[in-house]
């Protein structure tokens, strides 16, 4: 039992105790159910049956009678008049996009030819010149008094002594 067999034995004991406890509970439930005698149950069912018969059908009072099925059927019909009339619609406008689509294809081919053409030395030099141009510095905006004060507080915190070394004031 050194290889974990004791765990298996412990598990089996727990399962058996659980089954015994469940059996005891089921026995208690059955005894509780059988505490009322059969004649008492049948008399209670008979009383319910009499009460339901005296009440009449559900949904209406007992003094009102139901109409016969023929009267209800003749009173209103589910059939409707036929509406088989010809539907007239306006003729559709003919739209021809062939010419426009041909022009779009030509524009796309021209753009692809311009993009995919072989590059020359002049093209490379032009691209190099645009990349090497320094971007102009952004314009300096006038700073408000609030911005200057905020900046001064930040620099004071940065340049001042550490908080632990400051004198208590």
N, C-alpha and C. Protein backbone atom coordinates (compact mmCIF):
# COMPACT_ATOMS: atom_id res chain seq x y z
N UNK A 1 0.82 -1.19 0.00
CA UNK A 1 0.00 0.00 0.00
C UNK A 1 0.86 1.25 0.00
N UNK A 2 2.11 1.11 -0.21
CA UNK A 2 2.99 2.28 -0.20
C UNK A 2 2.89 3.06 -1.51
N UNK A 3 2.33 2.45 -2.53
CA UNK A 3 2.28 3.13 -3.83
C UNK A 3 0.96 3.88 -4.05
N UNK A 4 0.23 4.20 -3.03
CA UNK A 4 -1.00 4.98 -3.15
C UNK A 4 -2.25 4.13 -3.05
N UNK A 5 -2.16 2.87 -2.71
CA UNK A 5 -3.32 2.02 -2.56
C UNK A 5 -4.20 2.45 -1.41
N UNK A 6 -3.59 3.08 -0.41
CA UNK A 6 -4.37 3.55 0.74
C UNK A 6 -5.35 4.64 0.31
N UNK A 7 -5.01 5.39 -0.74
CA UNK A 7 -5.94 6.40 -1.26
C UNK A 7 -7.19 5.73 -1.84
N UNK A 8 -7.00 4.63 -2.53
CA UNK A 8 -8.11 3.90 -3.11
C UNK A 8 -9.03 3.35 -2.03
N UNK A 9 -8.44 2.84 -0.94
CA UNK A 9 -9.24 2.31 0.16
C UNK A 9 -10.02 3.45 0.83
N UNK A 10 -9.38 4.58 1.03
CA UNK A 10 -10.04 5.73 1.63
C UNK A 10 -11.20 6.21 0.76
N UNK A 11 -11.00 6.24 -0.54
CA UNK A 11 -12.04 6.67 -1.47
C UNK A 11 -13.23 5.72 -1.41
N UNK A 12 -12.97 4.42 -1.36
CA UNK A 12 -14.06 3.43 -1.29
C UNK A 12 -14.87 3.61 -0.01
N UNK A 13 -14.20 3.89 1.13
CA UNK A 13 -14.91 4.08 2.39
C UNK A 13 -15.82 5.30 2.31
N UNK A 14 -15.32 6.39 1.73
CA UNK A 14 -16.11 7.62 1.61
C UNK A 14 -17.34 7.37 0.74
N UNK A 15 -17.17 6.65 -0.36
CA UNK A 15 -18.30 6.36 -1.25
C UNK A 15 -19.35 5.52 -0.53
N UNK A 16 -18.92 4.52 0.21
CA UNK A 16 -19.87 3.67 0.94
C UNK A 16 -20.64 4.46 2.00
N UNK A 17 -19.95 5.34 2.73
CA UNK A 17 -20.64 6.15 3.73
C UNK A 17 -21.65 7.08 3.08
N UNK A 18 -21.31 7.64 1.91
CA UNK A 18 -22.21 8.53 1.20
C UNK A 18 -23.47 7.78 0.74
N UNK A 19 -23.28 6.57 0.21
CA UNK A 19 -24.43 5.77 -0.22
C UNK A 19 -25.33 5.43 0.95
N UNK A 20 -24.76 5.11 2.10
CA UNK A 20 -25.56 4.77 3.27
C UNK A 20 -26.36 5.98 3.73
N UNK A 21 -25.75 7.17 3.71
CA UNK A 21 -26.46 8.39 4.13
C UNK A 21 -27.62 8.68 3.19
N UNK A 22 -27.42 8.52 1.86
CA UNK A 22 -28.49 8.75 0.89
C UNK A 22 -29.63 7.77 1.08
N UNK A 23 -29.31 6.51 1.36
CA UNK A 23 -30.35 5.50 1.59
C UNK A 23 -31.20 5.84 2.80
N UNK A 24 -30.56 6.35 3.87
CA UNK A 24 -31.29 6.74 5.05
C UNK A 24 -32.26 7.87 4.76
N UNK A 25 -31.82 8.86 3.95
CA UNK A 25 -32.68 9.99 3.62
C UNK A 25 -33.88 9.54 2.79
N UNK A 26 -33.66 8.62 1.84
CA UNK A 26 -34.77 8.14 1.01
C UNK A 26 -35.78 7.37 1.85
N UNK A 27 -35.32 6.61 2.81
CA UNK A 27 -36.22 5.88 3.70
C UNK A 27 -37.09 6.84 4.51
N UNK A 28 -36.49 7.94 4.98
CA UNK A 28 -37.25 8.93 5.74
C UNK A 28 -38.31 9.57 4.86
N UNK A 29 -37.99 9.85 3.60
CA UNK A 29 -38.97 10.45 2.68
C UNK A 29 -40.13 9.52 2.44
N UNK A 30 -39.85 8.22 2.25
CA UNK A 30 -40.92 7.27 1.99
C UNK A 30 -41.83 7.13 3.21
N UNK A 31 -41.25 7.15 4.41
CA UNK A 31 -42.06 7.06 5.62
C UNK A 31 -42.94 8.30 5.77
N UNK A 32 -42.40 9.47 5.39
CA UNK A 32 -43.18 10.70 5.49
C UNK A 32 -44.34 10.67 4.50
N UNK A 33 -44.10 10.12 3.31
CA UNK A 33 -45.17 10.04 2.31
C UNK A 33 -46.28 9.08 2.75
N UNK A 34 -45.92 8.00 3.36
CA UNK A 34 -46.92 7.00 3.72
C UNK A 34 -47.59 7.31 5.06
N UNK A 35 -47.33 8.48 5.65
CA UNK A 35 -47.93 8.80 6.94
C UNK A 35 -49.43 9.04 6.80
N UNK A 36 -49.89 9.53 5.63
CA UNK A 36 -51.33 9.69 5.43
C UNK A 36 -51.89 8.38 4.90
N UNK A 37 -53.02 8.03 5.40
CA UNK A 37 -53.61 6.74 5.00
C UNK A 37 -54.28 6.86 3.63
N UNK A 38 -54.54 5.75 3.01
CA UNK A 38 -55.15 5.71 1.70
C UNK A 38 -56.57 6.27 1.69
N UNK A 39 -57.41 5.95 2.65
CA UNK A 39 -58.78 6.52 2.64
C UNK A 39 -58.77 8.05 2.74
N UNK A 40 -57.82 8.60 3.54
CA UNK A 40 -57.75 10.05 3.66
C UNK A 40 -57.40 10.68 2.30
N UNK A 41 -56.44 10.05 1.58
CA UNK A 41 -56.04 10.58 0.28
C UNK A 41 -57.19 10.50 -0.72
N UNK A 42 -57.92 9.41 -0.76
CA UNK A 42 -59.01 9.27 -1.72
C UNK A 42 -60.14 10.23 -1.40
N UNK A 43 -60.41 10.49 -0.12
CA UNK A 43 -61.48 11.43 0.22
C UNK A 43 -61.07 12.86 -0.17
N UNK A 44 -59.79 13.19 -0.05
CA UNK A 44 -59.33 14.52 -0.45
C UNK A 44 -59.44 14.67 -1.97
N UNK A 45 -59.10 13.60 -2.72
CA UNK A 45 -59.21 13.66 -4.18
C UNK A 45 -60.67 13.79 -4.60
N UNK A 46 -61.55 13.09 -3.90
CA UNK A 46 -62.97 13.17 -4.24
C UNK A 46 -63.50 14.58 -3.98
N UNK A 47 -63.06 15.22 -2.91
CA UNK A 47 -63.50 16.58 -2.61
C UNK A 47 -63.02 17.54 -3.71
N UNK A 48 -61.79 17.38 -4.17
CA UNK A 48 -61.27 18.22 -5.26
C UNK A 48 -62.08 18.00 -6.54
N UNK A 49 -62.39 16.75 -6.83
CA UNK A 49 -63.14 16.44 -8.04
C UNK A 49 -64.52 17.08 -7.99
N UNK A 50 -65.21 17.02 -6.84
CA UNK A 50 -66.52 17.64 -6.71
C UNK A 50 -66.45 19.15 -6.87
N UNK A 51 -65.39 19.76 -6.31
CA UNK A 51 -65.24 21.22 -6.41
C UNK A 51 -65.03 21.63 -7.87
N UNK A 52 -64.24 20.85 -8.62
CA UNK A 52 -64.01 21.17 -10.03
C UNK A 52 -65.27 20.99 -10.86
N UNK A 53 -66.06 19.95 -10.57
CA UNK A 53 -67.30 19.73 -11.32
C UNK A 53 -68.31 20.82 -11.04
N UNK A 54 -68.37 21.32 -9.81
CA UNK A 54 -69.30 22.38 -9.46
C UNK A 54 -68.89 23.71 -10.09
N UNK A 55 -67.59 23.91 -10.29
CA UNK A 55 -67.10 25.18 -10.83
C UNK A 55 -67.40 25.31 -12.31
N UNK A 56 -67.57 24.26 -13.03
CA UNK A 56 -67.84 24.31 -14.47
C UNK A 56 -66.53 24.41 -15.25
N UNK A 57 -66.68 24.59 -16.54
CA UNK A 57 -65.47 24.69 -17.37
C UNK A 57 -64.64 25.91 -16.99
N UNK A 58 -63.37 25.79 -17.17
CA UNK A 58 -62.46 26.88 -16.82
C UNK A 58 -62.61 28.00 -17.84
N UNK A 59 -62.68 29.24 -17.38
CA UNK A 59 -62.71 30.38 -18.27
C UNK A 59 -64.08 31.02 -18.42
N UNK A 60 -65.14 30.42 -17.89
CA UNK A 60 -66.46 31.05 -17.96
C UNK A 60 -67.25 30.63 -16.73
N UNK A 61 -68.30 31.37 -16.46
CA UNK A 61 -69.13 31.05 -15.32
C UNK A 61 -70.02 29.85 -15.64
N UNK A 62 -70.43 29.15 -14.61
CA UNK A 62 -71.22 27.93 -14.80
C UNK A 62 -72.62 28.23 -15.34
N UNK A 63 -73.14 29.43 -15.10
CA UNK A 63 -74.50 29.73 -15.56
C UNK A 63 -74.55 30.11 -17.03
N UNK A 64 -73.44 30.33 -17.69
CA UNK A 64 -73.43 30.67 -19.12
C UNK A 64 -73.21 29.41 -19.93
N UNK A 65 -73.97 29.25 -20.99
CA UNK A 65 -73.82 28.06 -21.83
C UNK A 65 -72.93 28.39 -23.03
N UNK A 66 -72.36 27.37 -23.58
CA UNK A 66 -71.51 27.53 -24.76
C UNK A 66 -72.36 27.49 -26.02
N UNK A 67 -71.97 28.26 -27.03
CA UNK A 67 -72.66 28.21 -28.31
C UNK A 67 -72.26 26.92 -29.02
N UNK A 68 -73.16 26.45 -29.88
CA UNK A 68 -72.83 25.23 -30.60
C UNK A 68 -71.81 25.54 -31.69
N UNK A 69 -71.10 24.53 -32.12
CA UNK A 69 -70.05 24.72 -33.12
C UNK A 69 -70.61 25.23 -34.43
N UNK A 70 -71.85 24.80 -34.81
CA UNK A 70 -72.44 25.25 -36.07
C UNK A 70 -72.74 26.74 -36.03
N UNK A 71 -73.25 27.23 -34.90
CA UNK A 71 -73.56 28.65 -34.79
C UNK A 71 -72.29 29.50 -34.91
N UNK A 72 -71.24 29.05 -34.29
CA UNK A 72 -69.97 29.80 -34.35
C UNK A 72 -69.44 29.77 -35.77
N UNK A 73 -69.54 28.63 -36.43
CA UNK A 73 -69.00 28.49 -37.78
C UNK A 73 -69.79 29.33 -38.77
N UNK A 74 -71.12 29.40 -38.64
CA UNK A 74 -71.93 30.19 -39.55
C UNK A 74 -71.81 31.69 -39.28
N UNK A 75 -71.49 32.04 -38.08
CA UNK A 75 -71.42 33.44 -37.70
C UNK A 75 -70.34 34.21 -38.45
N UNK A 76 -69.22 33.65 -38.60
CA UNK A 76 -68.14 34.33 -39.34
C UNK A 76 -67.34 33.30 -40.10
N UNK A 77 -66.87 33.71 -41.23
CA UNK A 77 -66.14 32.80 -42.10
C UNK A 77 -64.67 33.22 -42.16
N UNK A 78 -63.84 32.26 -42.30
CA UNK A 78 -62.43 32.55 -42.44
C UNK A 78 -62.04 32.78 -43.90
N UNK A 79 -62.96 32.53 -44.80
CA UNK A 79 -62.67 32.72 -46.21
C UNK A 79 -62.75 34.20 -46.55
N UNK A 80 -61.89 34.65 -47.42
CA UNK A 80 -61.86 36.05 -47.85
C UNK A 80 -62.00 36.10 -49.36
N UNK A 81 -62.32 37.28 -49.85
CA UNK A 81 -62.46 37.42 -51.29
C UNK A 81 -61.10 37.34 -51.95
N UNK A 82 -61.10 36.82 -53.13
CA UNK A 82 -59.84 36.67 -53.87
C UNK A 82 -59.34 38.03 -54.32
N UNK A 83 -58.07 38.20 -54.27
CA UNK A 83 -57.45 39.45 -54.71
C UNK A 83 -56.54 39.19 -55.90
N UNK A 84 -57.02 38.37 -56.80
CA UNK A 84 -56.23 38.03 -57.99
C UNK A 84 -56.39 39.11 -59.05
N UNK A 85 -55.79 40.23 -58.81
CA UNK A 85 -55.81 41.30 -59.81
C UNK A 85 -54.39 41.45 -60.34
N UNK A 86 -54.32 41.93 -61.55
CA UNK A 86 -53.00 42.10 -62.17
C UNK A 86 -52.26 43.24 -61.50
N UNK A 87 -51.02 43.00 -61.15
CA UNK A 87 -50.18 44.00 -60.52
C UNK A 87 -49.46 44.75 -61.63
N UNK A 88 -49.63 46.05 -61.64
CA UNK A 88 -48.95 46.85 -62.66
C UNK A 88 -47.81 47.60 -62.00
N UNK A 89 -46.68 47.48 -62.61
CA UNK A 89 -45.49 48.15 -62.09
C UNK A 89 -44.92 49.05 -63.17
N UNK A 90 -44.25 50.08 -62.73
CA UNK A 90 -43.60 50.98 -63.68
C UNK A 90 -42.43 50.25 -64.33
N UNK A 91 -42.21 50.49 -65.61
CA UNK A 91 -41.09 49.80 -66.26
C UNK A 91 -39.77 50.27 -65.65
N UNK A 92 -38.84 49.35 -65.58
CA UNK A 92 -37.54 49.66 -65.01
C UNK A 92 -36.69 50.46 -65.99
N UNK A 93 -35.91 51.35 -65.43
CA UNK A 93 -35.01 52.13 -66.27
C UNK A 93 -33.79 51.26 -66.60
N UNK A 94 -33.40 51.27 -67.85
CA UNK A 94 -32.27 50.48 -68.28
C UNK A 94 -30.99 51.26 -67.95
N UNK A 95 -30.12 50.62 -67.20
CA UNK A 95 -28.87 51.25 -66.80
C UNK A 95 -27.74 50.46 -67.43
N UNK A 96 -26.92 51.16 -68.20
CA UNK A 96 -25.80 50.50 -68.86
C UNK A 96 -24.51 51.10 -68.32
N UNK A 97 -23.78 50.32 -67.58
CA UNK A 97 -22.53 50.79 -66.98
C UNK A 97 -21.31 50.24 -67.70
N UNK A 98 -21.50 49.64 -68.85
CA UNK A 98 -20.38 49.05 -69.57
C UNK A 98 -19.34 50.09 -69.96
N UNK A 99 -19.79 51.24 -70.50
CA UNK A 99 -18.83 52.25 -70.94
C UNK A 99 -18.04 52.80 -69.75
N UNK A 100 -18.74 53.06 -68.64
CA UNK A 100 -18.05 53.58 -67.46
C UNK A 100 -17.07 52.56 -66.90
N UNK A 101 -17.44 51.29 -66.91
CA UNK A 101 -16.54 50.27 -66.38
C UNK A 101 -15.32 50.11 -67.27
N UNK A 102 -15.49 50.27 -68.59
CA UNK A 102 -14.33 50.20 -69.49
C UNK A 102 -13.37 51.35 -69.19
N UNK A 103 -13.92 52.55 -68.96
CA UNK A 103 -13.07 53.69 -68.64
C UNK A 103 -12.34 53.48 -67.30
N UNK A 104 -13.02 52.90 -66.35
CA UNK A 104 -12.38 52.63 -65.05
C UNK A 104 -11.25 51.63 -65.20
N UNK A 105 -11.44 50.62 -66.04
CA UNK A 105 -10.38 49.63 -66.28
C UNK A 105 -9.18 50.30 -66.93
N UNK A 106 -9.41 51.18 -67.89
CA UNK A 106 -8.31 51.88 -68.56
C UNK A 106 -7.56 52.75 -67.55
N UNK A 107 -8.28 53.46 -66.68
CA UNK A 107 -7.62 54.30 -65.67
C UNK A 107 -6.78 53.45 -64.72
N UNK A 108 -7.28 52.33 -64.33
CA UNK A 108 -6.52 51.45 -63.42
C UNK A 108 -5.27 50.91 -64.09
N UNK A 109 -5.38 50.54 -65.35
CA UNK A 109 -4.19 50.04 -66.06
C UNK A 109 -3.14 51.12 -66.20
N UNK A 110 -3.57 52.35 -66.52
CA UNK A 110 -2.61 53.46 -66.65
C UNK A 110 -1.93 53.74 -65.32
N UNK A 111 -2.68 53.73 -64.23
CA UNK A 111 -2.10 53.98 -62.92
C UNK A 111 -1.12 52.87 -62.55
N UNK A 112 -1.44 51.63 -62.87
CA UNK A 112 -0.54 50.52 -62.56
C UNK A 112 0.73 50.61 -63.39
N UNK A 113 0.60 51.02 -64.66
CA UNK A 113 1.79 51.16 -65.52
C UNK A 113 2.70 52.26 -64.98
N UNK A 114 2.12 53.38 -64.51
CA UNK A 114 2.94 54.45 -63.94
C UNK A 114 3.63 54.00 -62.65
N UNK A 115 2.92 53.24 -61.86
CA UNK A 115 3.48 52.79 -60.59
C UNK A 115 4.54 51.72 -60.79
N UNK A 116 4.37 50.85 -61.76
CA UNK A 116 5.25 49.70 -61.93
C UNK A 116 6.35 49.93 -62.96
N UNK A 117 6.49 51.13 -63.48
CA UNK A 117 7.53 51.38 -64.49
C UNK A 117 8.90 51.28 -63.84
N UNK A 118 9.92 51.01 -64.62
CA UNK A 118 11.27 50.93 -64.05
C UNK A 118 11.73 52.32 -63.61
N UNK A 119 12.47 52.38 -62.52
CA UNK A 119 12.95 53.65 -61.98
C UNK A 119 14.29 54.00 -62.61
N UNK A 120 14.44 55.32 -62.81
CA UNK A 120 15.70 55.82 -63.37
C UNK A 120 16.51 56.47 -62.26
N UNK A 121 17.72 56.87 -62.58
CA UNK A 121 18.59 57.51 -61.60
C UNK A 121 17.97 58.83 -61.14
N UNK A 122 17.34 59.56 -62.03
CA UNK A 122 16.72 60.84 -61.67
C UNK A 122 15.58 60.62 -60.67
N UNK A 123 14.84 59.55 -60.82
CA UNK A 123 13.77 59.25 -59.87
C UNK A 123 14.33 58.99 -58.48
N UNK A 124 15.43 58.23 -58.42
CA UNK A 124 16.06 57.94 -57.13
C UNK A 124 16.58 59.21 -56.48
N UNK A 125 17.20 60.09 -57.25
CA UNK A 125 17.73 61.33 -56.70
C UNK A 125 16.61 62.23 -56.21
N UNK A 126 15.53 62.29 -56.95
CA UNK A 126 14.39 63.11 -56.51
C UNK A 126 13.82 62.59 -55.20
N UNK A 127 13.67 61.27 -55.08
CA UNK A 127 13.16 60.68 -53.84
C UNK A 127 14.12 60.94 -52.69
N UNK A 128 15.44 60.80 -52.94
CA UNK A 128 16.43 61.03 -51.90
C UNK A 128 16.39 62.47 -51.41
N UNK A 129 16.19 63.41 -52.33
CA UNK A 129 16.14 64.82 -51.94
C UNK A 129 14.92 65.10 -51.07
N UNK A 130 13.79 64.51 -51.38
CA UNK A 130 12.60 64.75 -50.57
C UNK A 130 12.72 64.11 -49.19
N UNK A 131 13.39 62.97 -49.10
CA UNK A 131 13.53 62.30 -47.81
C UNK A 131 14.51 63.05 -46.92
N UNK A 132 15.58 63.58 -47.50
CA UNK A 132 16.62 64.23 -46.71
C UNK A 132 16.26 65.65 -46.30
N UNK A 133 15.24 66.22 -46.84
CA UNK A 133 14.85 67.57 -46.43
C UNK A 133 14.42 67.55 -44.98
N UNK A 134 14.94 68.48 -44.22
CA UNK A 134 14.56 68.56 -42.81
C UNK A 134 13.19 69.22 -42.73
N UNK A 135 12.38 68.64 -41.90
CA UNK A 135 11.05 69.21 -41.72
C UNK A 135 11.19 70.54 -40.98
N UNK A 136 10.46 71.54 -41.38
CA UNK A 136 10.57 72.82 -40.68
C UNK A 136 10.09 72.67 -39.24
N UNK A 137 10.74 73.34 -38.32
CA UNK A 137 10.31 73.22 -36.91
C UNK A 137 8.91 73.79 -36.76
N UNK A 138 8.16 73.23 -35.85
CA UNK A 138 6.80 73.74 -35.65
C UNK A 138 6.87 75.17 -35.12
N UNK A 139 5.92 75.99 -35.47
CA UNK A 139 5.95 77.38 -35.00
C UNK A 139 5.81 77.43 -33.48
N UNK A 140 6.58 78.31 -32.88
CA UNK A 140 6.56 78.46 -31.43
C UNK A 140 5.31 79.25 -31.03
N UNK A 141 4.51 78.67 -30.21
CA UNK A 141 3.30 79.36 -29.82
C UNK A 141 3.58 80.14 -28.53
N UNK A 142 2.93 81.24 -28.39
CA UNK A 142 3.16 82.01 -27.16
C UNK A 142 2.62 81.23 -25.97
N UNK A 143 3.44 81.17 -24.91
CA UNK A 143 3.06 80.39 -23.74
C UNK A 143 2.33 81.28 -22.75
N UNK A 144 1.28 80.72 -22.17
CA UNK A 144 0.50 81.48 -21.20
C UNK A 144 1.21 81.45 -19.84
N UNK A 145 0.73 82.30 -18.95
CA UNK A 145 1.32 82.38 -17.62
C UNK A 145 1.14 81.05 -16.87
N UNK A 146 -0.02 80.43 -17.09
CA UNK A 146 -0.30 79.15 -16.44
C UNK A 146 0.68 78.08 -16.89
N UNK A 147 0.96 78.02 -18.21
CA UNK A 147 1.90 77.03 -18.74
C UNK A 147 3.30 77.26 -18.17
N UNK A 148 3.71 78.54 -18.07
CA UNK A 148 5.05 78.83 -17.55
C UNK A 148 5.14 78.44 -16.08
N UNK A 149 4.08 78.68 -15.31
CA UNK A 149 4.08 78.32 -13.89
C UNK A 149 4.14 76.81 -13.73
N UNK A 150 3.38 76.09 -14.52
CA UNK A 150 3.40 74.63 -14.48
C UNK A 150 4.81 74.10 -14.78
N UNK A 151 5.44 74.65 -15.78
CA UNK A 151 6.80 74.25 -16.15
C UNK A 151 7.78 74.54 -15.03
N UNK A 152 7.62 75.70 -14.36
CA UNK A 152 8.52 76.06 -13.26
C UNK A 152 8.39 75.08 -12.10
N UNK A 153 7.15 74.66 -11.79
CA UNK A 153 6.95 73.70 -10.69
C UNK A 153 7.60 72.36 -11.03
N UNK A 154 7.47 71.93 -12.26
CA UNK A 154 8.10 70.66 -12.67
C UNK A 154 9.61 70.74 -12.50
N UNK A 155 10.23 71.83 -12.96
CA UNK A 155 11.68 71.95 -12.87
C UNK A 155 12.13 72.07 -11.42
N UNK A 156 11.32 72.69 -10.57
CA UNK A 156 11.69 72.78 -9.16
C UNK A 156 11.71 71.40 -8.54
N UNK A 157 10.71 70.55 -8.87
CA UNK A 157 10.68 69.19 -8.34
C UNK A 157 11.87 68.38 -8.85
N UNK A 158 12.27 68.62 -10.09
CA UNK A 158 13.37 67.86 -10.67
C UNK A 158 14.70 68.28 -10.05
N UNK A 159 14.91 69.58 -9.90
CA UNK A 159 16.22 70.09 -9.50
C UNK A 159 16.37 70.23 -7.99
N UNK A 160 15.31 70.23 -7.23
CA UNK A 160 15.39 70.42 -5.79
C UNK A 160 15.95 69.16 -5.12
N UNK A 161 16.24 69.29 -3.83
CA UNK A 161 16.75 68.15 -3.07
C UNK A 161 15.67 67.08 -2.96
N UNK A 162 16.04 65.82 -2.71
CA UNK A 162 15.03 64.78 -2.52
C UNK A 162 14.11 65.12 -1.35
N UNK A 163 12.88 64.63 -1.41
CA UNK A 163 11.87 64.97 -0.42
C UNK A 163 12.30 64.54 0.97
N UNK A 164 12.97 63.43 1.10
CA UNK A 164 13.40 62.95 2.41
C UNK A 164 14.47 63.83 3.03
N UNK A 165 15.20 64.58 2.25
CA UNK A 165 16.27 65.42 2.77
C UNK A 165 15.79 66.84 3.04
N UNK A 166 14.56 67.18 2.65
CA UNK A 166 14.07 68.53 2.86
C UNK A 166 13.74 68.74 4.32
N UNK A 167 13.91 69.97 4.76
CA UNK A 167 13.56 70.33 6.15
C UNK A 167 12.05 70.41 6.27
N UNK A 168 11.53 70.02 7.40
CA UNK A 168 10.09 70.14 7.64
C UNK A 168 9.79 71.59 7.92
N UNK A 169 8.89 72.14 7.17
CA UNK A 169 8.57 73.55 7.30
C UNK A 169 7.18 73.75 7.78
